[in-house]
Amino acid sequence: AADPMEITSATWVSDTMIFGGAWQIKRESVRR
């Protein structure tokens, strides 16, 4: 897990390495 973030993607980039992305809500509203 990636607490406090949430894992949004993951993929193998070698036999033993994984690359991906994560996100976390940090603001209460959209600014623009």
PDB file of all heavy atoms in Angstrom:
ATOM      1  N   ALA A   1       0.854  -1.184   0.000  1.00  0.00           N
ATOM      2  CA  ALA A   1       0.000   0.000   0.000  1.00  0.00           C
ATOM      3  C   ALA A   1       0.890   1.234   0.000  1.00  0.00           C
ATOM      4  O   ALA A   1       2.102   1.148   0.210  1.00  0.00           O
ATOM      5  CB  ALA A   1      -0.919  -0.004   1.213  1.00  0.00           C
ATOM      6  N   ALA A   2       0.271   2.397  -0.221  1.00  0.00           N
ATOM      7  CA  ALA A   2       1.049   3.635  -0.288  1.00  0.00           C
ATOM      8  C   ALA A   2       0.502   4.683   0.671  1.00  0.00           C
ATOM      9  O   ALA A   2       0.624   5.869   0.429  1.00  0.00           O
ATOM     10  CB  ALA A   2       1.042   4.179  -1.713  1.00  0.00           C
ATOM     11  N   ASP A   3      -0.112   4.254   1.745  1.00  0.00           N
ATOM     12  CA  ASP A   3      -0.728   5.155   2.713  1.00  0.00           C
ATOM     13  C   ASP A   3       0.240   6.281   3.109  1.00  0.00           C
ATOM     14  O   ASP A   3       1.412   6.005   3.404  1.00  0.00           O
ATOM     15  CB  ASP A   3      -1.141   4.341   3.948  1.00  0.00           C
ATOM     16  CG  ASP A   3      -1.979   5.154   4.910  1.00  0.00           C
ATOM     17  OD1 ASP A   3      -3.038   5.630   4.491  1.00  0.00           O
ATOM     18  OD2 ASP A   3      -1.542   5.331   6.064  1.00  0.00           O
ATOM     19  N   PRO A   4      -0.174   7.547   3.101  1.00  0.00           N
ATOM     20  CA  PRO A   4      -1.549   8.052   2.957  1.00  0.00           C
ATOM     21  C   PRO A   4      -2.007   8.243   1.506  1.00  0.00           C
ATOM     22  O   PRO A   4      -3.111   8.719   1.272  1.00  0.00           O
ATOM     23  CB  PRO A   4      -1.476   9.398   3.672  1.00  0.00           C
ATOM     24  CG  PRO A   4      -0.095   9.877   3.384  1.00  0.00           C
ATOM     25  CD  PRO A   4       0.775   8.646   3.415  1.00  0.00           C
ATOM     26  N   MET A   5      -1.142   7.942   0.542  1.00  0.00           N
ATOM     27  CA  MET A   5      -1.545   8.044  -0.858  1.00  0.00           C
ATOM     28  C   MET A   5      -2.224   6.750  -1.297  1.00  0.00           C
ATOM     29  O   MET A   5      -2.174   5.737  -0.576  1.00  0.00           O
ATOM     30  CB  MET A   5      -0.340   8.352  -1.745  1.00  0.00           C
ATOM     31  CG  MET A   5       0.418   9.618  -1.370  1.00  0.00           C
ATOM     32  SD  MET A   5       1.653  10.124  -2.602  1.00  0.00           S
ATOM     33  CE  MET A   5       0.605  11.016  -3.757  1.00  0.00           C
ATOM     34  N   GLU A   6      -2.851   6.788  -2.473  1.00  0.00           N
ATOM     35  CA  GLU A   6      -3.450   5.594  -3.057  1.00  0.00           C
ATOM     36  C   GLU A   6      -2.738   5.286  -4.361  1.00  0.00           C
ATOM     37  O   GLU A   6      -2.529   6.171  -5.195  1.00  0.00           O
ATOM     38  CB  GLU A   6      -4.937   5.799  -3.331  1.00  0.00           C
ATOM     39  CG  GLU A   6      -5.590   4.566  -3.952  1.00  0.00           C
ATOM     40  CD  GLU A   6      -7.048   4.774  -4.313  1.00  0.00           C
ATOM     41  OE1 GLU A   6      -7.426   5.929  -4.591  1.00  0.00           O
ATOM     42  OE2 GLU A   6      -7.791   3.781  -4.341  1.00  0.00           O
ATOM     43  N   ILE A   7      -2.360   4.030  -4.546  1.00  0.00           N
ATOM     44  CA  ILE A   7      -1.698   3.602  -5.777  1.00  0.00           C
ATOM     45  C   ILE A   7      -2.714   3.600  -6.917  1.00  0.00           C
ATOM     46  O   ILE A   7      -3.760   2.960  -6.827  1.00  0.00           O
ATOM     47  CB  ILE A   7      -1.074   2.212  -5.613  1.00  0.00           C
ATOM     48  CG1 ILE A   7       0.028   2.249  -4.549  1.00  0.00           C
ATOM     49  CG2 ILE A   7      -0.513   1.711  -6.939  1.00  0.00           C
ATOM     50  CD1 ILE A   7       0.554   0.886  -4.161  1.00  0.00           C
ATOM     51  N   THR A   8      -2.398   4.308  -7.993  1.00  0.00           N
ATOM     52  CA  THR A   8      -3.319   4.410  -9.130  1.00  0.00           C
ATOM     53  C   THR A   8      -2.872   3.608 -10.340  1.00  0.00           C
ATOM     54  O   THR A   8      -3.683   3.325 -11.223  1.00  0.00           O
ATOM     55  CB  THR A   8      -3.488   5.879  -9.547  1.00  0.00           C
ATOM     56  OG1 THR A   8      -2.192   6.430  -9.835  1.00  0.00           O
ATOM     57  CG2 THR A   8      -4.146   6.685  -8.440  1.00  0.00           C
ATOM     58  N   SER A   9      -1.583   3.238 -10.404  1.00  0.00           N
ATOM     59  CA  SER A   9      -1.097   2.470 -11.539  1.00  0.00           C
ATOM     60  C   SER A   9       0.173   1.746 -11.147  1.00  0.00           C
ATOM     61  O   SER A   9       0.872   2.141 -10.201  1.00  0.00           O
ATOM     62  CB  SER A   9      -0.823   3.381 -12.747  1.00  0.00           C
ATOM     63  OG  SER A   9       0.207   4.311 -12.454  1.00  0.00           O
ATOM     64  N   ALA A  10       0.483   0.685 -11.883  1.00  0.00           N
ATOM     65  CA  ALA A  10       1.700  -0.091 -11.621  1.00  0.00           C
ATOM     66  C   ALA A  10       1.994  -0.967 -12.823  1.00  0.00           C
ATOM     67  O   ALA A  10       1.077  -1.535 -13.431  1.00  0.00           O
ATOM     68  CB  ALA A  10       1.538  -0.954 -10.369  1.00  0.00           C
ATOM     69  N   THR A  11       3.277  -1.098 -13.169  1.00  0.00           N
ATOM     70  CA  THR A  11       3.673  -1.970 -14.267  1.00  0.00           C
ATOM     71  C   THR A  11       5.109  -2.422 -14.065  1.00  0.00           C
ATOM     72  O   THR A  11       5.916  -1.714 -13.453  1.00  0.00           O
ATOM     73  CB  THR A  11       3.529  -1.244 -15.625  1.00  0.00           C
ATOM     74  OG1 THR A  11       3.766  -2.171 -16.678  1.00  0.00           O
ATOM     75  CG2 THR A  11       4.512  -0.092 -15.751  1.00  0.00           C
ATOM     76  N   TRP A  12       5.417  -3.610 -14.565  1.00  0.00           N
ATOM     77  CA  TRP A  12       6.790  -4.107 -14.500  1.00  0.00           C
ATOM     78  C   TRP A  12       7.656  -3.334 -15.492  1.00  0.00           C
ATOM     79  O   TRP A  12       7.267  -3.119 -16.640  1.00  0.00           O
ATOM     80  CB  TRP A  12       6.849  -5.592 -14.867  1.00  0.00           C
ATOM     81  CG  TRP A  12       6.170  -6.507 -13.899  1.00  0.00           C
ATOM     82  CD1 TRP A  12       4.944  -7.076 -14.037  1.00  0.00           C
ATOM     83  CD2 TRP A  12       6.687  -6.977 -12.646  1.00  0.00           C
ATOM     84  NE1 TRP A  12       4.653  -7.862 -12.954  1.00  0.00           N
ATOM     85  CE2 TRP A  12       5.705  -7.825 -12.076  1.00  0.00           C
ATOM     86  CE3 TRP A  12       7.879  -6.755 -11.947  1.00  0.00           C
ATOM     87  CZ2 TRP A  12       5.879  -8.451 -10.851  1.00  0.00           C
ATOM     88  CZ3 TRP A  12       8.051  -7.376 -10.723  1.00  0.00           C
ATOM     89  CH2 TRP A  12       7.067  -8.214 -10.180  1.00  0.00           C
ATOM     90  N   VAL A  13       8.849  -2.943 -15.044  1.00  0.00           N
ATOM     91  CA  VAL A  13       9.818  -2.332 -15.957  1.00  0.00           C
ATOM     92  C   VAL A  13      11.097  -3.166 -16.034  1.00  0.00           C
ATOM     93  O   VAL A  13      11.983  -2.877 -16.834  1.00  0.00           O
ATOM     94  CB  VAL A  13      10.144  -0.882 -15.544  1.00  0.00           C
ATOM     95  CG1 VAL A  13       8.928   0.001 -15.766  1.00  0.00           C
ATOM     96  CG2 VAL A  13      10.621  -0.792 -14.106  1.00  0.00           C
ATOM     97  N   SER A  14      11.200  -4.188 -15.207  1.00  0.00           N
ATOM     98  CA  SER A  14      12.274  -5.181 -15.304  1.00  0.00           C
ATOM     99  C   SER A  14      11.789  -6.415 -14.550  1.00  0.00           C
ATOM    100  O   SER A  14      10.651  -6.452 -14.063  1.00  0.00           O
ATOM    101  CB  SER A  14      13.590  -4.649 -14.714  1.00  0.00           C
ATOM    102  OG  SER A  14      13.535  -4.610 -13.302  1.00  0.00           O
ATOM    103  N   ASP A  15      12.640  -7.419 -14.414  1.00  0.00           N
ATOM    104  CA  ASP A  15      12.238  -8.656 -13.734  1.00  0.00           C
ATOM    105  C   ASP A  15      11.829  -8.414 -12.288  1.00  0.00           C
ATOM    106  O   ASP A  15      10.977  -9.129 -11.754  1.00  0.00           O
ATOM    107  CB  ASP A  15      13.379  -9.672 -13.771  1.00  0.00           C
ATOM    108  CG  ASP A  15      13.668 -10.181 -15.171  1.00  0.00           C
ATOM    109  OD1 ASP A  15      12.811  -9.981 -16.063  1.00  0.00           O
ATOM    110  OD2 ASP A  15      14.748 -10.766 -15.368  1.00  0.00           O
ATOM    111  N   THR A  16      12.421  -7.406 -11.655  1.00  0.00           N
ATOM    112  CA  THR A  16      12.196  -7.189 -10.220  1.00  0.00           C
ATOM    113  C   THR A  16      11.813  -5.759  -9.876  1.00  0.00           C
ATOM    114  O   THR A  16      11.702  -5.428  -8.700  1.00  0.00           O
ATOM    115  CB  THR A  16      13.456  -7.563  -9.420  1.00  0.00           C
ATOM    116  OG1 THR A  16      14.555  -6.755  -9.855  1.00  0.00           O
ATOM    117  CG2 THR A  16      13.795  -9.044  -9.582  1.00  0.00           C
ATOM    118  N   MET A  17      11.594  -4.904 -10.869  1.00  0.00           N
ATOM    119  CA  MET A  17      11.283  -3.502 -10.602  1.00  0.00           C
ATOM    120  C   MET A  17       9.905  -3.150 -11.160  1.00  0.00           C
ATOM    121  O   MET A  17       9.533  -3.547 -12.262  1.00  0.00           O
ATOM    122  CB  MET A  17      12.335  -2.580 -11.215  1.00  0.00           C
ATOM    123  CG  MET A  17      13.756  -2.818 -10.714  1.00  0.00           C
ATOM    124  SD  MET A  17      13.977  -2.475  -8.944  1.00  0.00           S
ATOM    125  CE  MET A  17      13.824  -0.695  -8.941  1.00  0.00           C
ATOM    126  N   ILE A  18       9.172  -2.361 -10.380  1.00  0.00           N
ATOM    127  CA  ILE A  18       7.822  -1.919 -10.727  1.00  0.00           C
ATOM    128  C   ILE A  18       7.805  -0.395 -10.706  1.00  0.00           C
ATOM    129  O   ILE A  18       8.379   0.233  -9.818  1.00  0.00           O
ATOM    130  CB  ILE A  18       6.788  -2.466  -9.721  1.00  0.00           C
ATOM    131  CG1 ILE A  18       6.720  -3.999  -9.811  1.00  0.00           C
ATOM    132  CG2 ILE A  18       5.412  -1.854  -9.933  1.00  0.00           C
ATOM    133  CD1 ILE A  18       5.999  -4.649  -8.649  1.00  0.00           C
ATOM    134  N   PHE A  19       7.144   0.198 -11.694  1.00  0.00           N
ATOM    135  CA  PHE A  19       6.996   1.653 -11.755  1.00  0.00           C
ATOM    136  C   PHE A  19       5.512   1.982 -11.799  1.00  0.00           C
ATOM    137  O   PHE A  19       4.721   1.276 -12.432  1.00  0.00           O
ATOM    138  CB  PHE A  19       7.685   2.213 -12.995  1.00  0.00           C
ATOM    139  CG  PHE A  19       7.570   3.715 -13.140  1.00  0.00           C
ATOM    140  CD1 PHE A  19       8.493   4.546 -12.553  1.00  0.00           C
ATOM    141  CD2 PHE A  19       6.523   4.282 -13.873  1.00  0.00           C
ATOM    142  CE1 PHE A  19       8.396   5.932 -12.692  1.00  0.00           C
ATOM    143  CE2 PHE A  19       6.413   5.659 -14.010  1.00  0.00           C
ATOM    144  CZ  PHE A  19       7.358   6.483 -13.418  1.00  0.00           C
ATOM    145  N   GLY A  20       5.110   3.064 -11.135  1.00  0.00           N
ATOM    146  CA  GLY A  20       3.705   3.439 -11.156  1.00  0.00           C
ATOM    147  C   GLY A  20       3.465   4.816 -10.587  1.00  0.00           C
ATOM    148  O   GLY A  20       4.388   5.597 -10.352  1.00  0.00           O
ATOM    149  N   GLY A  21       2.175   5.126 -10.369  1.00  0.00           N
ATOM    150  CA  GLY A  21       1.778   6.427  -9.867  1.00  0.00           C
ATOM    151  C   GLY A  21       0.849   6.309  -8.681  1.00  0.00           C
ATOM    152  O   GLY A  21       0.250   5.255  -8.428  1.00  0.00           O
ATOM    153  N   ALA A  22       0.716   7.401  -7.934  1.00  0.00           N
ATOM    154  CA  ALA A  22      -0.165   7.448  -6.767  1.00  0.00           C
ATOM    155  C   ALA A  22      -0.727   8.854  -6.632  1.00  0.00           C
ATOM    156  O   ALA A  22      -0.171   9.819  -7.171  1.00  0.00           O
ATOM    157  CB  ALA A  22       0.599   7.051  -5.500  1.00  0.00           C
ATOM    158  N   TRP A  23      -1.835   8.970  -5.909  1.00  0.00           N
ATOM    159  CA  TRP A  23      -2.426  10.290  -5.671  1.00  0.00           C
ATOM    160  C   TRP A  23      -2.946  10.385  -4.244  1.00  0.00           C
ATOM    161  O   TRP A  23      -3.100   9.391  -3.529  1.00  0.00           O
ATOM    162  CB  TRP A  23      -3.513  10.604  -6.684  1.00  0.00           C
ATOM    163  CG  TRP A  23      -4.761   9.729  -6.640  1.00  0.00           C
ATOM    164  CD1 TRP A  23      -5.156   8.848  -5.663  1.00  0.00           C
ATOM    165  CD2 TRP A  23      -5.785   9.671  -7.644  1.00  0.00           C
ATOM    166  NE1 TRP A  23      -6.342   8.256  -5.993  1.00  0.00           N
ATOM    167  CE2 TRP A  23      -6.762   8.740  -7.186  1.00  0.00           C
ATOM    168  CE3 TRP A  23      -5.986  10.331  -8.850  1.00  0.00           C
ATOM    169  CZ2 TRP A  23      -7.911   8.452  -7.929  1.00  0.00           C
ATOM    170  CZ3 TRP A  23      -7.133  10.036  -9.575  1.00  0.00           C
ATOM    171  CH2 TRP A  23      -8.080   9.106  -9.117  1.00  0.00           C
ATOM    172  N   GLN A  24      -3.232  11.623  -3.852  1.00  0.00           N
ATOM    173  CA  GLN A  24      -3.770  11.897  -2.524  1.00  0.00           C
ATOM    174  C   GLN A  24      -4.524  13.217  -2.576  1.00  0.00           C
ATOM    175  O   GLN A  24      -4.016  14.210  -3.105  1.00  0.00           O
ATOM    176  CB  GLN A  24      -2.648  11.981  -1.484  1.00  0.00           C
ATOM    177  CG  GLN A  24      -3.126  12.270  -0.066  1.00  0.00           C
ATOM    178  CD  GLN A  24      -1.972  12.445   0.904  1.00  0.00           C
ATOM    179  OE1 GLN A  24      -0.813  12.501   0.492  1.00  0.00           O
ATOM    180  NE2 GLN A  24      -2.270  12.527   2.193  1.00  0.00           N
ATOM    181  N   ILE A  25      -5.758  13.243  -2.037  1.00  0.00           N
ATOM    182  CA  ILE A  25      -6.515  14.498  -1.972  1.00  0.00           C
ATOM    183  C   ILE A  25      -5.866  15.414  -0.942  1.00  0.00           C
ATOM    184  O   ILE A  25      -5.695  15.039   0.221  1.00  0.00           O
ATOM    185  CB  ILE A  25      -7.986  14.231  -1.619  1.00  0.00           C
ATOM    186  CG1 ILE A  25      -8.675  13.457  -2.751  1.00  0.00           C
ATOM    187  CG2 ILE A  25      -8.730  15.544  -1.363  1.00  0.00           C
ATOM    188  CD1 ILE A  25     -10.118  13.108  -2.479  1.00  0.00           C
ATOM    189  N   LYS A  26      -5.509  16.631  -1.369  1.00  0.00           N
ATOM    190  CA  LYS A  26      -4.810  17.575  -0.490  1.00  0.00           C
ATOM    191  C   LYS A  26      -5.514  18.924  -0.391  1.00  0.00           C
ATOM    192  O   LYS A  26      -5.191  19.721   0.497  1.00  0.00           O
ATOM    193  CB  LYS A  26      -3.383  17.805  -1.013  1.00  0.00           C
ATOM    194  CG  LYS A  26      -2.518  16.559  -0.993  1.00  0.00           C
ATOM    195  CD  LYS A  26      -2.175  16.129   0.427  1.00  0.00           C
ATOM    196  CE  LYS A  26      -1.169  17.060   1.072  1.00  0.00           C
ATOM    197  NZ  LYS A  26      -0.719  16.557   2.384  1.00  0.00           N
ATOM    198  N   ARG A  27      -6.433  19.212  -1.303  1.00  0.00           N
ATOM    199  CA  ARG A  27      -7.116  20.493  -1.282  1.00  0.00           C
ATOM    200  C   ARG A  27      -8.624  20.274  -1.283  1.00  0.00           C
ATOM    201  O   ARG A  27      -9.111  19.277  -1.795  1.00  0.00           O
ATOM    202  CB  ARG A  27      -6.702  21.338  -2.508  1.00  0.00           C
ATOM    203  CG  ARG A  27      -5.262  21.828  -2.429  1.00  0.00           C
ATOM    204  CD  ARG A  27      -4.785  22.393  -3.751  1.00  0.00           C
ATOM    205  NE  ARG A  27      -4.630  21.374  -4.780  1.00  0.00           N
ATOM    206  CZ  ARG A  27      -3.576  20.543  -4.861  1.00  0.00           C
ATOM    207  NH1 ARG A  27      -2.590  20.624  -3.977  1.00  0.00           N
ATOM    208  NH2 ARG A  27      -3.504  19.635  -5.810  1.00  0.00           N
ATOM    209  N   GLU A  28      -9.354  21.220  -0.743  1.00  0.00           N
ATOM    210  CA  GLU A  28     -10.794  21.069  -0.593  1.00  0.00           C
ATOM    211  C   GLU A  28     -11.574  21.466  -1.839  1.00  0.00           C
ATOM    212  O   GLU A  28     -12.736  21.092  -1.978  1.00  0.00           O
ATOM    213  CB  GLU A  28     -11.293  21.887   0.599  1.00  0.00           C
ATOM    214  CG  GLU A  28     -10.800  21.354   1.945  1.00  0.00           C
ATOM    215  CD  GLU A  28     -11.424  22.093   3.114  1.00  0.00           C
ATOM    216  OE1 GLU A  28     -12.224  23.026   2.857  1.00  0.00           O
ATOM    217  OE2 GLU A  28     -11.126  21.745   4.267  1.00  0.00           O
ATOM    218  N   SER A  29     -10.952  22.222  -2.724  1.00  0.00           N
ATOM    219  CA  SER A  29     -11.692  22.674  -3.894  1.00  0.00           C
ATOM    220  C   SER A  29     -10.741  22.875  -5.069  1.00  0.00           C
ATOM    221  O   SER A  29      -9.526  23.002  -4.894  1.00  0.00           O
ATOM    222  CB  SER A  29     -12.435  23.980  -3.605  1.00  0.00           C
ATOM    223  OG  SER A  29     -11.516  25.004  -3.259  1.00  0.00           O
ATOM    224  N   VAL A  30     -11.316  22.910  -6.268  1.00  0.00           N
ATOM    225  CA  VAL A  30     -10.561  23.181  -7.490  1.00  0.00           C
ATOM    226  C   VAL A  30     -10.365  24.688  -7.607  1.00  0.00           C
ATOM    227  O   VAL A  30     -11.322  25.459  -7.502  1.00  0.00           O
ATOM    228  CB  VAL A  30     -11.310  22.632  -8.719  1.00  0.00           C
ATOM    229  CG1 VAL A  30     -10.627  23.060 -10.002  1.00  0.00           C
ATOM    230  CG2 VAL A  30     -11.408  21.119  -8.638  1.00  0.00           C
ATOM    231  N   ARG A  31      -9.143  25.096  -7.836  1.00  0.00           N
ATOM    232  CA  ARG A  31      -8.835  26.523  -7.827  1.00  0.00           C
ATOM    233  C   ARG A  31      -9.007  27.193  -9.177  1.00  0.00           C
ATOM    234  O   ARG A  31      -9.234  28.396  -9.255  1.00  0.00           O
ATOM    235  CB  ARG A  31      -7.398  26.730  -7.332  1.00  0.00           C
ATOM    236  CG  ARG A  31      -7.167  26.234  -5.899  1.00  0.00           C
ATOM    237  CD  ARG A  31      -5.695  26.130  -5.579  1.00  0.00           C
ATOM    238  NE  ARG A  31      -5.030  25.095  -6.390  1.00  0.00           N
ATOM    239  CZ  ARG A  31      -3.781  24.682  -6.173  1.00  0.00           C
ATOM    240  NH1 ARG A  31      -3.079  25.194  -5.186  1.00  0.00           N
ATOM    241  NH2 ARG A  31      -3.249  23.752  -6.954  1.00  0.00           N
ATOM    242  N   ARG A  32      -8.867  26.421 -10.262  1.00  0.00           N
ATOM    243  CA  ARG A  32      -8.941  26.998 -11.604  1.00  0.00           C
ATOM    244  C   ARG A  32      -9.156  25.856 -12.604  1.00  0.00           C
ATOM    245  O   ARG A  32      -9.084  24.686 -12.249  1.00  0.00           O
ATOM    246  CB  ARG A  32      -7.663  27.767 -11.944  1.00  0.00           C
ATOM    247  CG  ARG A  32      -6.406  26.922 -11.868  1.00  0.00           C
ATOM    248  CD  ARG A  32      -5.144  27.750 -12.042  1.00  0.00           C
ATOM    249  NE  ARG A  32      -3.955  26.926 -11.850  1.00  0.00           N
ATOM    250  CZ  ARG A  32      -3.399  26.671 -10.674  1.00  0.00           C
ATOM    251  NH1 ARG A  32      -3.927  27.194  -9.573  1.00  0.00           N
ATOM    252  NH2 ARG A  32      -2.327  25.910 -10.584  1.00  0.00           N
TER     253      ARG A  32
END
